[in-house]
Amino acid sequence: DEVEYIINEVPSITSEGISVIDTVNTLSNLNGVLTGQVFMVEERANALFQAKTGLSPNGYDIIAGQGAISFQISLPTNAISCAQYGLNGDGVTDNLTALTSLLASSYDVEVDRGKIYLTSGTVTVSTSKKIFGGGEIKGSLTTGNLIEATANDVIFEDISIDGGAQPITGIKFTGAEDGAIINCRFKQCYESGIVGNGSTLRARIIGNFLDDCKETGAAQQNGSIRWRGDNAVINDNVIVDGDTTGISCTGDYCTIAGNSIKAGSAPESGGIITDGAVGCSITGNSIEGSGVEGIQIGGASLDCSVVGNTIKNAEEGGIVVSGTSLRTTVSGNTIVAANATSTYPYGILIESTSQISVTGNTVKFHERGIRLLNNTAAPEHISISGNTLISQSNTAIYGYGNCLSITGNICKGSGAGTSATGILIDTAIDSDNLIVSSNIVDGWTTGLSGIFTGGTQFRVRDNIFLNNTADTSQTDETADIFSGNSTDSGAISGEVTLNGTSSVTVNTTALLANDKILLYRKTPSGTEGAAFISARVNGTSFNVKSTNAADTSVMTWILDR
């Protein structure tokens, strides 16, 4: 790595033994030494000079002389720090020329910890490298990108980016592949913090902290992280005080997982939005305080999944699936509004889409828990199952669509709404081929009923109704089937004291034709015999006897459906 080079200048040696020779304008065979550099040299006993590099102007005096000297240049093997290259990290001096030159070199670049390197324009990373070190790059430009990476395999790690509260982007990848931004810090980038264009592939955006990175113009649509490329991993980032979308992604087969997003105060602030993405996975994120949707799957998105996220106080919906999206899974999410008096419209909105599965989610304190909306077309082939919908003020499940399956949900009302209904399939547009089964509908006391249906070919069966004003009602009854539903007027378990071989009647309207009646001896008394069901009238009662006339045991009974 040591190269001997002859230059036709003789330095005057100071008392400290250090001086500077003239600027080098032409060099050959010196990899990594660039035009415009100056050399600070130290006299050595063998008449050679140990060189340290800098970039003019750097404060050194240029010394002229005559004759020829020989000195050694020790070239770095892998990385150059900004300080070694002559950049001034005082946060005031403009380093645009020097930083541009350094980032164009073949070396990795260390941004010195504790230093702030100001640049008045965009600096481009055009060769593969790692940029690291703990220091800060700050922009004083008023438009464009602070840093633009156009080469493959560019990695930013542990540096800070300050947009200077200007409408610029912190770091943008353009047409680059296999790049990464890891454990970096961004602030006050008022266009976006991180951007990847549509031809950027396989990037990793991991563990970054973005504070107050947002679009400040009238549109307010750009995200703190705005990604258009495919196969990106956007994981474990923290985004705070972003008054626009936290993460916006239109790339295919991207993973967005484990991010924490706390929105700012603007009404356009959102959590995570995909638009037209294919195979996007949104998993385990935490979103709080969104001014619009917490998570939105929009456009012509296909085969996306929204799983295990926690969303709090999303003012226009916790999770929204809209546009012409197909085959989306919404599963295991927790969506909570501030309190029981919140007026947030819905926890989950399914709008004019098809083949959507909404399974195992918990929604609490919204006007409507799950909303099916006909915007451009009725939702079709929607499965809503196993969700827990607690204290919705208006409706647990509301809307219309075709080929709907609503099964196994817990729909608990707060009784606050004037038209509160547990499950309401609206009659504004006829809904066909609906199955509503095995749901628990509880506490709808001020509105229409536990379940209200409008449309044709409905099957409402095997649901359990508790504490409702009315349990079921319907219109357009063509080919509808209401069967096997039980209400709170009939218990599904209890106790009975035997009276020997004489029948004891247990009244319960919950008894259905296919129910099994299980008997267990709770408290033995008298001479035990074998207890059995001696008679049953479905929907009314059953009778219990013992085979021993002296059996007065207390039996527990349960309806097994």
Protein backbone atom coordinates (compact mmCIF):
# COMPACT_ATOMS: atom_id res chain seq x y z
CA ASP A 1 0.00 0.00 0.00
CA GLU A 2 3.01 2.32 0.04
CA VAL A 3 3.76 4.06 -3.25
CA GLU A 4 6.81 6.24 -3.89
CA TYR A 5 6.15 9.30 -6.04
CA ILE A 6 8.52 12.09 -7.15
CA ILE A 7 7.24 15.65 -7.17
CA ASN A 8 9.18 18.69 -8.38
CA GLU A 9 8.70 20.77 -5.29
CA VAL A 10 10.86 21.07 -2.18
CA PRO A 11 9.01 21.98 1.01
CA SER A 12 10.44 24.32 3.58
CA ILE A 13 10.57 22.41 6.84
CA THR A 14 9.15 24.16 9.87
CA SER A 15 10.50 23.88 13.36
CA GLU A 16 7.89 21.23 14.06
CA GLY A 17 9.13 19.17 11.12
CA ILE A 18 5.79 19.45 9.29
CA SER A 19 5.02 21.34 6.14
CA VAL A 20 2.75 21.25 3.08
CA ILE A 21 3.78 20.96 -0.55
CA ASP A 22 1.90 22.28 -3.54
CA THR A 23 -1.50 20.98 -4.65
CA VAL A 24 -1.30 17.79 -6.73
CA ASN A 25 -3.28 18.21 -9.94
CA THR A 26 -2.21 15.12 -11.87
CA LEU A 27 -1.47 11.71 -10.40
CA SER A 28 -1.04 8.25 -11.82
CA ASN A 29 -0.77 4.82 -10.26
CA LEU A 30 -2.01 6.11 -6.92
CA ASN A 31 -5.34 4.38 -6.27
CA GLY A 32 -7.52 6.43 -3.95
CA VAL A 33 -5.58 9.69 -4.22
CA LEU A 34 -7.71 12.24 -6.02
CA THR A 35 -7.15 15.37 -8.04
CA GLY A 36 -7.22 18.45 -5.83
CA GLN A 37 -5.69 16.80 -2.76
CA VAL A 38 -2.82 18.32 -0.82
CA PHE A 39 -0.27 16.41 1.22
CA MET A 40 0.90 17.29 4.68
CA VAL A 41 4.32 15.63 5.00
CA GLU A 42 6.60 14.91 7.91
CA GLU A 43 10.40 14.81 7.46
CA ARG A 44 11.97 11.43 8.22
CA ALA A 45 15.58 10.47 8.87
CA ASN A 46 15.94 8.60 5.59
CA ALA A 47 14.98 11.72 3.64
CA LEU A 48 11.54 10.25 2.84
CA PHE A 49 8.32 11.90 3.96
CA GLN A 50 5.28 10.26 5.59
CA ALA A 51 2.19 11.74 3.88
CA LYS A 52 -1.21 12.54 5.28
CA THR A 53 -3.94 13.50 2.86
CA GLY A 54 -6.42 16.33 2.88
CA LEU A 55 -8.47 18.26 0.34
CA SER A 56 -7.82 21.84 -0.68
CA PRO A 57 -8.82 24.30 0.58
CA ASN A 58 -8.25 23.06 4.10
CA GLY A 59 -6.49 25.89 5.88
CA TYR A 60 -2.93 24.85 5.10
CA ASP A 61 -0.46 27.31 3.45
CA ILE A 62 0.76 26.22 0.02
CA ILE A 63 4.57 26.22 -0.05
CA ALA A 64 6.54 26.58 -3.28
CA GLY A 65 10.12 25.43 -3.78
CA GLN A 66 12.62 24.02 -6.22
CA GLY A 67 14.25 20.67 -6.77
CA ALA A 68 12.91 17.21 -6.20
CA ILE A 69 11.96 15.22 -3.13
CA SER A 70 10.80 11.67 -2.58
CA PHE A 71 8.12 10.73 -0.04
CA GLN A 72 5.88 7.79 0.83
CA ILE A 73 2.07 7.72 0.67
CA SER A 74 0.38 5.17 2.96
CA LEU A 75 -2.97 4.46 1.31
CA PRO A 76 -5.92 3.22 3.43
CA THR A 77 -6.87 -0.39 2.84
CA ASN A 78 -10.64 -0.08 3.20
CA ALA A 79 -12.05 3.10 4.83
CA ILE A 80 -11.40 6.83 4.95
CA SER A 81 -12.89 9.08 7.59
CA CYS A 82 -14.31 12.46 6.69
CA ALA A 83 -11.76 14.12 8.97
CA GLN A 84 -8.85 12.31 7.31
CA TYR A 85 -10.09 13.53 3.97
CA GLY A 86 -10.07 17.11 5.13
CA LEU A 87 -13.78 17.73 5.69
CA ASN A 88 -14.73 20.26 8.34
CA GLY A 89 -17.25 18.87 10.84
CA ASP A 90 -18.15 22.14 12.55
CA GLY A 91 -21.74 22.13 11.21
CA VAL A 92 -21.16 25.47 9.48
CA THR A 93 -18.59 24.93 6.74
CA ASP A 94 -20.00 23.69 3.41
CA ASN A 95 -18.44 20.33 2.53
CA LEU A 96 -20.33 19.73 -0.74
CA THR A 97 -17.25 19.44 -3.00
CA ALA A 98 -15.20 17.39 -0.55
CA LEU A 99 -18.04 15.06 0.43
CA THR A 100 -18.99 14.49 -3.22
CA SER A 101 -15.41 13.55 -4.02
CA LEU A 102 -15.10 11.26 -1.01
CA LEU A 103 -18.35 9.41 -1.70
CA ALA A 104 -17.28 8.87 -5.31
CA SER A 105 -14.11 7.06 -4.18
CA SER A 106 -13.82 3.29 -3.90
CA TYR A 107 -13.39 3.40 -0.14
CA ASP A 108 -15.86 2.94 2.69
CA VAL A 109 -16.52 6.24 4.47
CA GLU A 110 -16.51 6.91 8.20
CA VAL A 111 -18.61 9.86 9.30
CA ASP A 112 -16.75 10.86 12.44
CA ARG A 113 -18.76 10.57 15.65
CA GLY A 114 -19.50 13.93 17.26
CA LYS A 115 -19.03 15.85 13.98
CA ILE A 116 -21.66 17.54 11.78
CA TYR A 117 -20.79 17.71 8.10
CA LEU A 118 -22.86 20.33 6.31
CA THR A 119 -23.57 20.16 2.58
CA SER A 120 -25.41 22.71 0.45
CA GLY A 121 -26.38 20.25 -2.28
CA THR A 122 -27.13 16.62 -3.07
CA VAL A 123 -24.23 14.22 -2.66
CA THR A 124 -24.35 11.03 -4.73
CA VAL A 125 -23.04 7.60 -3.77
CA SER A 126 -22.12 6.09 -7.13
CA THR A 127 -19.93 3.19 -6.00
CA SER A 128 -20.60 0.30 -3.64
CA LYS A 129 -19.54 1.12 -0.12
CA LYS A 130 -20.44 1.29 3.57
CA ILE A 131 -21.04 4.69 5.16
CA PHE A 132 -20.86 4.48 8.94
CA GLY A 133 -19.39 5.99 12.08
CA GLY A 134 -21.92 7.76 14.32
CA GLY A 135 -21.56 11.28 12.95
CA GLU A 136 -24.08 13.50 11.17
CA ILE A 137 -24.60 14.74 7.62
CA LYS A 138 -26.77 17.86 7.54
CA GLY A 139 -28.34 19.56 4.55
CA SER A 140 -28.70 23.27 3.85
CA LEU A 141 -30.32 22.68 0.45
CA THR A 142 -33.97 23.57 -0.04
CA THR A 143 -35.13 20.88 -2.48
CA GLY A 144 -34.20 17.41 -3.71
CA ASN A 145 -32.30 14.69 -1.87
CA LEU A 146 -29.61 15.12 0.74
CA ILE A 147 -27.97 11.80 -0.24
CA GLU A 148 -28.79 9.76 -3.34
CA ALA A 149 -27.45 6.23 -3.73
CA THR A 150 -27.32 5.01 -7.33
CA ALA A 151 -24.93 2.07 -6.89
CA ASN A 152 -25.66 -1.45 -5.73
CA ASP A 153 -24.59 -2.68 -2.29
CA VAL A 154 -24.54 0.72 -0.60
CA ILE A 155 -24.95 0.40 3.17
CA PHE A 156 -25.66 3.25 5.57
CA GLU A 157 -25.17 2.28 9.21
CA ASP A 158 -25.19 4.29 12.43
CA ILE A 159 -25.14 7.79 10.97
CA SER A 160 -27.47 10.76 11.51
CA ILE A 161 -29.28 12.66 8.77
CA ASP A 162 -30.61 16.18 9.43
CA GLY A 163 -32.82 17.71 6.75
CA GLY A 164 -32.58 21.15 8.29
CA ALA A 165 -36.40 21.47 8.35
CA GLN A 166 -36.35 21.86 4.56
CA PRO A 167 -38.60 20.06 2.00
CA ILE A 168 -35.97 17.46 1.12
CA THR A 169 -35.52 13.69 1.36
CA GLY A 170 -32.83 12.36 3.68
CA ILE A 171 -31.61 9.30 1.74
CA LYS A 172 -32.96 8.12 -1.59
CA PHE A 173 -32.10 4.89 -3.39
CA THR A 174 -32.45 5.22 -7.17
CA GLY A 175 -32.18 2.06 -9.25
CA ALA A 176 -29.97 0.46 -6.63
CA GLU A 177 -29.99 -3.17 -5.54
CA ASP A 178 -29.17 -4.86 -2.22
CA GLY A 179 -28.70 -1.61 -0.31
CA ALA A 180 -29.38 -1.07 3.38
CA ILE A 181 -30.09 1.64 5.94
CA ILE A 182 -29.48 0.24 9.42
CA ASN A 183 -29.67 1.90 12.84
CA CYS A 184 -29.56 5.43 11.42
CA ARG A 185 -31.25 8.54 12.76
CA PHE A 186 -33.28 11.00 10.68
CA LYS A 187 -34.84 14.31 11.67
CA GLN A 188 -36.69 17.20 10.03
CA CYS A 189 -36.62 15.88 6.49
CA TYR A 190 -39.74 17.66 5.23
CA GLU A 191 -40.27 15.59 2.09
CA SER A 192 -39.47 12.09 3.33
CA GLY A 193 -36.85 10.53 5.54
CA ILE A 194 -36.13 7.47 3.35
CA VAL A 195 -37.19 6.86 -0.27
CA GLY A 196 -36.67 3.98 -2.70
CA ASN A 197 -37.80 4.30 -6.31
CA GLY A 198 -39.52 1.58 -8.31
CA SER A 199 -36.32 0.03 -9.69
CA THR A 200 -34.70 -0.32 -6.27
CA LEU A 201 -34.61 -4.00 -5.28
CA ARG A 202 -34.00 -6.07 -2.15
CA ALA A 203 -33.26 -3.21 0.23
CA ARG A 204 -33.13 -3.55 4.02
CA ILE A 205 -34.48 -0.66 6.11
CA ILE A 206 -33.95 -1.85 9.66
CA GLY A 207 -33.82 -0.34 13.14
CA ASN A 208 -33.85 3.34 12.16
CA PHE A 209 -35.29 6.26 14.15
CA LEU A 210 -37.20 8.92 12.21
CA ASP A 211 -38.34 12.04 14.03
CA ASP A 212 -40.45 14.75 12.41
CA CYS A 213 -39.91 13.48 8.86
CA LYS A 214 -42.92 14.42 6.78
CA GLU A 215 -44.23 16.25 3.74
CA THR A 216 -45.12 19.80 4.68
CA GLY A 217 -46.83 20.84 1.43
CA ALA A 218 -50.56 20.98 0.82
CA ALA A 219 -50.77 17.36 -0.37
CA GLN A 220 -49.17 15.80 2.72
CA GLN A 221 -49.06 12.35 1.11
CA ASN A 222 -45.44 11.26 1.33
CA GLY A 223 -44.42 8.96 4.14
CA SER A 224 -41.53 9.13 6.55
CA ILE A 225 -40.47 5.98 4.70
CA ARG A 226 -41.71 5.96 1.08
CA TRP A 227 -40.87 2.77 -0.77
CA ARG A 228 -41.62 1.79 -4.38
CA GLY A 229 -39.18 -1.05 -4.97
CA ASP A 230 -39.77 -4.79 -4.66
CA ASN A 231 -38.61 -7.34 -2.07
CA ALA A 232 -37.78 -4.77 0.61
CA VAL A 233 -37.51 -5.55 4.32
CA ILE A 234 -38.75 -2.61 6.41
CA ASN A 235 -38.47 -3.82 9.99
CA ASP A 236 -38.09 -2.52 13.54
CA ASN A 237 -38.03 1.18 12.73
CA VAL A 238 -39.35 3.85 15.11
CA ILE A 239 -41.25 6.75 13.54
CA VAL A 240 -42.47 9.63 15.71
CA ASP A 241 -44.17 12.96 15.06
CA GLY A 242 -44.71 12.27 11.37
CA ASP A 243 -47.68 14.31 10.21
CA THR A 244 -48.01 12.24 7.03
CA THR A 245 -47.94 8.47 6.51
CA GLY A 246 -45.43 6.56 8.57
CA ILE A 247 -44.62 3.95 5.91
CA SER A 248 -45.91 4.08 2.33
CA CYS A 249 -45.15 1.03 0.18
CA THR A 250 -46.14 0.13 -3.36
CA GLY A 251 -43.46 -2.46 -3.95
CA ASP A 252 -44.24 -6.15 -4.35
CA TYR A 253 -43.31 -8.87 -1.86
CA CYS A 254 -42.19 -6.45 0.83
CA THR A 255 -42.10 -7.23 4.55
CA ILE A 256 -43.12 -4.49 6.98
CA ALA A 257 -42.75 -5.85 10.51
CA GLY A 258 -42.13 -4.74 14.08
CA ASN A 259 -42.23 -1.01 13.38
CA SER A 260 -43.47 1.50 15.94
CA ILE A 261 -45.32 4.49 14.48
CA LYS A 262 -46.64 7.37 16.55
CA ALA A 263 -48.32 9.95 14.35
CA GLY A 264 -48.21 13.67 14.74
CA SER A 265 -51.12 16.06 15.15
CA ALA A 266 -51.99 16.72 11.49
CA PRO A 267 -55.23 15.21 10.14
CA GLU A 268 -53.38 13.51 7.27
CA SER A 269 -51.09 11.50 9.52
CA GLY A 270 -51.39 7.76 8.98
CA GLY A 271 -49.71 4.52 9.85
CA ILE A 272 -48.90 2.10 7.01
CA ILE A 273 -50.28 2.29 3.47
CA THR A 274 -49.80 -0.08 0.53
CA ASP A 275 -51.18 0.81 -2.87
CA GLY A 276 -51.27 -1.80 -5.60
CA ALA A 277 -48.75 -4.04 -3.83
CA VAL A 278 -48.54 -7.80 -4.37
CA GLY A 279 -47.63 -10.23 -1.61
CA CYS A 280 -46.96 -7.56 1.01
CA SER A 281 -46.76 -8.73 4.65
CA ILE A 282 -47.60 -6.23 7.42
CA THR A 283 -46.94 -7.96 10.73
CA GLY A 284 -46.50 -7.05 14.38
CA ASN A 285 -46.42 -3.28 13.99
CA SER A 286 -47.58 -0.80 16.64
CA ILE A 287 -49.45 2.30 15.42
CA GLU A 288 -50.82 5.05 17.63
CA GLY A 289 -52.67 8.29 17.01
CA SER A 290 -53.26 8.09 13.28
CA GLY A 291 -55.26 10.99 11.84
CA VAL A 292 -56.54 8.70 9.08
CA GLU A 293 -56.25 4.92 8.73
CA GLY A 294 -53.93 2.87 10.88
CA ILE A 295 -53.20 0.39 8.05
CA GLN A 296 -54.57 0.61 4.51
CA ILE A 297 -54.39 -2.00 1.77
CA GLY A 298 -55.46 -0.08 -1.32
CA GLY A 299 -55.42 0.08 -5.08
CA ALA A 300 -55.16 -3.27 -6.82
CA SER A 301 -53.23 -4.95 -4.01
CA LEU A 302 -53.12 -8.73 -4.19
CA ASP A 303 -52.33 -11.52 -1.72
CA CYS A 304 -51.38 -9.21 1.15
CA SER A 305 -51.57 -10.06 4.85
CA VAL A 306 -52.14 -7.84 7.89
CA VAL A 307 -51.39 -9.93 10.96
CA GLY A 308 -50.81 -9.29 14.66
CA ASN A 309 -50.65 -5.50 14.58
CA THR A 310 -51.73 -3.19 17.41
CA ILE A 311 -53.54 -0.01 16.39
CA LYS A 312 -54.74 2.64 18.82
CA ASN A 313 -56.80 5.77 18.12
CA ALA A 314 -56.94 5.63 14.32
CA GLU A 315 -59.46 8.35 13.59
CA GLU A 316 -60.71 7.06 10.22
CA GLY A 317 -60.40 3.33 10.72
CA GLY A 318 -57.99 0.87 12.22
CA ILE A 319 -57.53 -1.32 9.13
CA VAL A 320 -58.94 -0.51 5.68
CA VAL A 321 -58.97 -2.84 2.67
CA SER A 322 -60.16 -0.89 -0.35
CA GLY A 323 -59.91 -0.37 -4.08
CA THR A 324 -59.89 -3.59 -6.10
CA SER A 325 -57.75 -5.51 -3.64
CA LEU A 326 -58.06 -9.30 -3.70
CA ARG A 327 -57.17 -12.14 -1.35
CA THR A 328 -56.18 -10.10 1.70
CA THR A 329 -55.89 -11.70 5.15
CA VAL A 330 -56.62 -9.54 8.22
CA SER A 331 -55.89 -11.66 11.27
CA GLY A 332 -55.03 -11.40 14.94
CA ASN A 333 -54.92 -7.61 15.10
CA THR A 334 -55.91 -5.49 18.11
CA ILE A 335 -57.69 -2.22 17.31
CA VAL A 336 -58.65 0.04 20.20
CA ALA A 337 -60.06 3.55 20.39
CA ALA A 338 -59.43 5.85 23.32
CA ASN A 339 -62.52 5.01 25.36
CA ALA A 340 -66.17 3.99 25.20
CA THR A 341 -67.27 7.47 24.13
CA SER A 342 -64.97 7.64 21.08
CA THR A 343 -66.58 8.51 17.77
CA TYR A 344 -64.03 6.75 15.56
CA PRO A 345 -66.14 5.25 12.76
CA TYR A 346 -64.91 1.66 12.51
CA GLY A 347 -62.24 -0.78 13.51
CA ILE A 348 -61.99 -2.65 10.20
CA LEU A 349 -63.37 -1.42 6.86
CA ILE A 350 -63.80 -3.72 3.85
CA GLU A 351 -64.62 -1.54 0.84
CA SER A 352 -65.63 -2.87 -2.60
CA THR A 353 -63.13 -5.72 -2.46
CA SER A 354 -63.27 -9.47 -2.87
CA GLN A 355 -61.94 -12.66 -1.28
CA ILE A 356 -61.02 -11.12 2.08
CA SER A 357 -60.56 -13.06 5.32
CA VAL A 358 -61.08 -11.17 8.60
CA THR A 359 -60.23 -13.59 11.40
CA GLY A 360 -59.41 -13.49 15.10
CA ASN A 361 -59.18 -9.72 15.50
CA THR A 362 -60.12 -7.74 18.61
CA VAL A 363 -61.88 -4.40 18.08
CA LYS A 364 -62.91 -2.18 20.97
CA PHE A 365 -64.68 1.19 21.41
CA HIS A 366 -65.66 2.13 17.85
CA GLU A 367 -68.98 3.09 16.32
CA ARG A 368 -68.83 -0.02 14.16
CA GLY A 369 -66.49 -2.92 14.71
CA ILE A 370 -66.34 -4.28 11.15
CA ARG A 371 -67.81 -2.31 8.24
CA LEU A 372 -68.59 -3.68 4.76
CA LEU A 373 -69.00 -0.78 2.32
CA ASN A 374 -70.28 -0.66 -1.23
CA ASN A 375 -68.33 2.17 -2.82
CA THR A 376 -67.88 1.13 -6.46
CA ALA A 377 -69.14 -2.44 -6.01
CA ALA A 378 -70.47 -4.65 -3.22
CA PRO A 379 -67.83 -6.64 -1.31
CA GLU A 380 -67.91 -10.32 -2.27
CA HIS A 381 -66.67 -13.59 -0.84
CA ILE A 382 -65.83 -12.13 2.57
CA SER A 383 -65.19 -14.36 5.59
CA ILE A 384 -65.57 -12.74 9.03
CA SER A 385 -64.86 -15.29 11.74
CA GLY A 386 -63.65 -15.59 15.31
CA ASN A 387 -63.42 -11.85 15.96
CA THR A 388 -64.08 -10.24 19.35
CA LEU A 389 -65.95 -6.96 18.92
CA ILE A 390 -66.37 -5.21 22.26
CA SER A 391 -68.36 -2.09 23.22
CA GLN A 392 -69.15 -0.83 19.75
CA SER A 393 -71.64 2.03 20.13
CA ASN A 394 -73.56 1.41 16.91
CA THR A 395 -72.98 -1.97 15.27
CA ALA A 396 -70.52 -4.82 15.70
CA ILE A 397 -70.72 -5.95 12.05
CA TYR A 398 -72.45 -3.70 9.52
CA GLY A 399 -72.82 -3.39 5.77
CA TYR A 400 -73.72 -5.39 2.72
CA GLY A 401 -72.19 -7.74 0.19
CA ASN A 402 -72.57 -11.04 -1.58
CA CYS A 403 -71.42 -14.48 -0.50
CA LEU A 404 -70.63 -13.44 3.07
CA SER A 405 -69.77 -15.79 5.93
CA ILE A 406 -70.08 -14.33 9.44
CA THR A 407 -69.30 -17.07 11.94
CA GLY A 408 -68.06 -17.53 15.48
CA ASN A 409 -67.75 -13.85 16.38
CA ILE A 410 -68.40 -12.28 19.78
CA CYS A 411 -70.44 -9.10 19.28
CA LYS A 412 -70.75 -7.19 22.55
CA GLY A 413 -72.63 -3.90 22.46
CA SER A 414 -72.25 -0.87 24.68
CA GLY A 415 -75.91 0.10 24.28
CA ALA A 416 -74.88 3.68 23.52
CA GLY A 417 -76.10 4.08 19.95
CA THR A 418 -79.70 5.00 19.14
CA SER A 419 -79.84 2.37 16.38
CA ALA A 420 -77.45 -0.14 17.88
CA THR A 421 -77.61 -3.60 16.33
CA GLY A 422 -75.24 -6.52 16.78
CA ILE A 423 -75.01 -7.73 13.17
CA LEU A 424 -76.78 -5.61 10.56
CA ILE A 425 -76.79 -6.48 6.87
CA ASP A 426 -78.18 -3.34 5.29
CA THR A 427 -81.16 -3.34 2.93
CA ALA A 428 -79.93 -0.36 0.92
CA ILE A 429 -78.43 -2.82 -1.54
CA ASP A 430 -79.64 -6.40 -1.47
CA SER A 431 -77.08 -8.81 -0.13
CA ASP A 432 -77.23 -12.41 -1.26
CA ASN A 433 -75.94 -15.74 -0.02
CA LEU A 434 -75.16 -14.90 3.58
CA ILE A 435 -74.30 -17.27 6.41
CA VAL A 436 -74.53 -15.91 9.96
CA SER A 437 -73.82 -18.73 12.37
CA SER A 438 -72.44 -19.57 15.80
CA ASN A 439 -72.02 -15.94 16.86
CA ILE A 440 -72.59 -14.63 20.39
CA VAL A 441 -74.62 -11.40 20.18
CA ASP A 442 -74.88 -9.64 23.52
CA GLY A 443 -76.09 -6.30 24.85
CA TRP A 444 -77.80 -4.60 21.89
CA THR A 445 -80.58 -2.88 23.81
CA THR A 446 -81.34 0.40 22.02
CA GLY A 447 -81.64 -0.52 18.35
CA LEU A 448 -83.20 -3.00 15.98
CA SER A 449 -82.05 -6.37 17.24
CA GLY A 450 -79.21 -8.74 17.82
CA ILE A 451 -79.15 -9.63 14.09
CA PHE A 452 -80.95 -7.71 11.34
CA THR A 453 -80.77 -8.98 7.78
CA GLY A 454 -81.94 -7.64 4.45
CA GLY A 455 -81.47 -9.54 1.23
CA THR A 456 -82.04 -13.06 -0.04
CA GLN A 457 -80.77 -16.56 0.61
CA PHE A 458 -79.73 -15.97 4.20
CA ARG A 459 -78.91 -18.65 6.75
CA VAL A 460 -79.01 -17.38 10.33
CA ARG A 461 -78.49 -20.33 12.60
CA ASP A 462 -76.98 -21.59 15.84
CA ASN A 463 -76.29 -18.10 17.22
CA ILE A 464 -76.55 -17.26 20.90
CA PHE A 465 -78.39 -14.07 21.88
CA LEU A 466 -77.97 -12.43 25.28
CA ASN A 467 -79.49 -9.23 26.69
CA ASN A 468 -80.84 -7.80 23.42
CA THR A 469 -84.00 -5.76 22.81
CA ALA A 470 -84.89 -8.28 20.13
CA ASP A 471 -82.87 -11.17 18.86
CA THR A 472 -83.51 -11.39 15.11
CA SER A 473 -85.44 -9.48 12.48
CA GLN A 474 -85.41 -9.57 8.73
CA THR A 475 -86.76 -8.21 5.47
CA ASP A 476 -86.78 -9.74 1.98
CA GLU A 477 -87.28 -13.17 3.47
CA THR A 478 -87.01 -15.09 0.19
CA ALA A 479 -85.30 -18.41 0.84
CA ASP A 480 -84.04 -17.27 4.27
CA ILE A 481 -83.48 -19.83 7.00
CA PHE A 482 -83.58 -18.93 10.71
CA SER A 483 -82.87 -22.02 12.79
CA GLY A 484 -81.15 -23.31 15.89
CA ASN A 485 -80.65 -19.90 17.50
CA SER A 486 -80.85 -19.67 21.30
CA THR A 487 -81.72 -16.70 23.47
CA ASP A 488 -81.17 -15.55 27.01
CA SER A 489 -84.66 -16.71 28.01
CA GLY A 490 -83.26 -20.21 28.19
CA ALA A 491 -80.19 -21.25 30.15
CA ILE A 492 -77.59 -23.60 28.68
CA SER A 493 -76.45 -24.95 32.07
CA GLY A 494 -77.71 -25.21 35.62
CA GLU A 495 -78.45 -27.47 38.59
CA VAL A 496 -81.35 -29.77 39.46
CA THR A 497 -82.14 -31.75 42.64
CA LEU A 498 -83.31 -35.30 42.01
CA ASN A 499 -86.54 -36.60 43.49
CA GLY A 500 -85.88 -40.32 43.28
CA THR A 501 -87.78 -42.00 40.47
CA SER A 502 -90.16 -39.04 40.10
CA SER A 503 -89.60 -36.65 37.20
CA VAL A 504 -88.13 -33.21 37.87
CA THR A 505 -88.74 -30.65 35.09
CA VAL A 506 -85.99 -28.26 33.95
CA ASN A 507 -87.30 -25.35 31.85
CA THR A 508 -85.02 -23.88 29.17
CA THR A 509 -85.93 -22.57 25.76
CA ALA A 510 -82.28 -22.92 24.74
CA LEU A 511 -82.69 -26.67 24.19
CA LEU A 512 -82.23 -27.51 20.50
CA ALA A 513 -83.00 -30.73 18.66
CA ASN A 514 -79.42 -31.83 18.28
CA ASP A 515 -78.25 -30.83 21.76
CA LYS A 516 -76.91 -33.43 24.13
CA ILE A 517 -77.85 -32.98 27.80
CA LEU A 518 -74.91 -33.83 30.05
CA LEU A 519 -75.53 -34.70 33.72
CA TYR A 520 -72.86 -34.64 36.46
CA ARG A 521 -73.40 -35.49 40.13
CA LYS A 522 -72.37 -32.38 42.04
CA THR A 523 -73.55 -33.27 45.59
CA PRO A 524 -74.42 -36.90 46.39
CA SER A 525 -77.40 -37.28 48.69
CA GLY A 526 -79.65 -40.17 49.74
CA THR A 527 -79.08 -43.50 48.03
CA GLU A 528 -77.42 -42.85 44.70
CA GLY A 529 -78.89 -44.27 41.55
CA ALA A 530 -78.25 -43.58 37.90
CA ALA A 531 -79.58 -40.19 36.80
CA PHE A 532 -81.02 -39.94 33.30
CA ILE A 533 -83.12 -37.74 30.99
CA SER A 534 -86.63 -39.17 31.02
CA ALA A 535 -88.21 -36.74 28.56
CA ARG A 536 -87.44 -33.60 26.51
CA VAL A 537 -89.41 -30.98 24.63
CA ASN A 538 -87.07 -29.01 22.38
CA GLY A 539 -87.30 -25.29 22.91
CA THR A 540 -89.17 -25.77 26.19
CA SER A 541 -87.83 -28.20 28.83
CA PHE A 542 -86.49 -31.62 29.78
CA ASN A 543 -87.14 -34.04 32.70
CA VAL A 544 -84.63 -35.80 34.95
CA LYS A 545 -85.10 -39.01 37.04
CA SER A 546 -82.98 -41.46 39.03
CA THR A 547 -83.13 -45.24 39.04
CA ASN A 548 -83.26 -45.17 42.88
CA ALA A 549 -86.29 -43.82 44.68
CA ALA A 550 -84.11 -42.53 47.53
CA ASP A 551 -81.72 -40.54 45.32
CA THR A 552 -81.83 -36.82 46.20
CA SER A 553 -78.46 -35.80 44.77
CA VAL A 554 -77.81 -32.36 43.25
CA MET A 555 -76.96 -32.72 39.55
CA THR A 556 -75.23 -30.23 37.25
CA TRP A 557 -76.59 -30.17 33.70
CA ILE A 558 -75.03 -28.69 30.54
CA LEU A 559 -76.32 -28.44 26.98
CA ASP A 560 -73.63 -29.81 24.66
CA ARG A 561 -74.14 -28.39 21.18
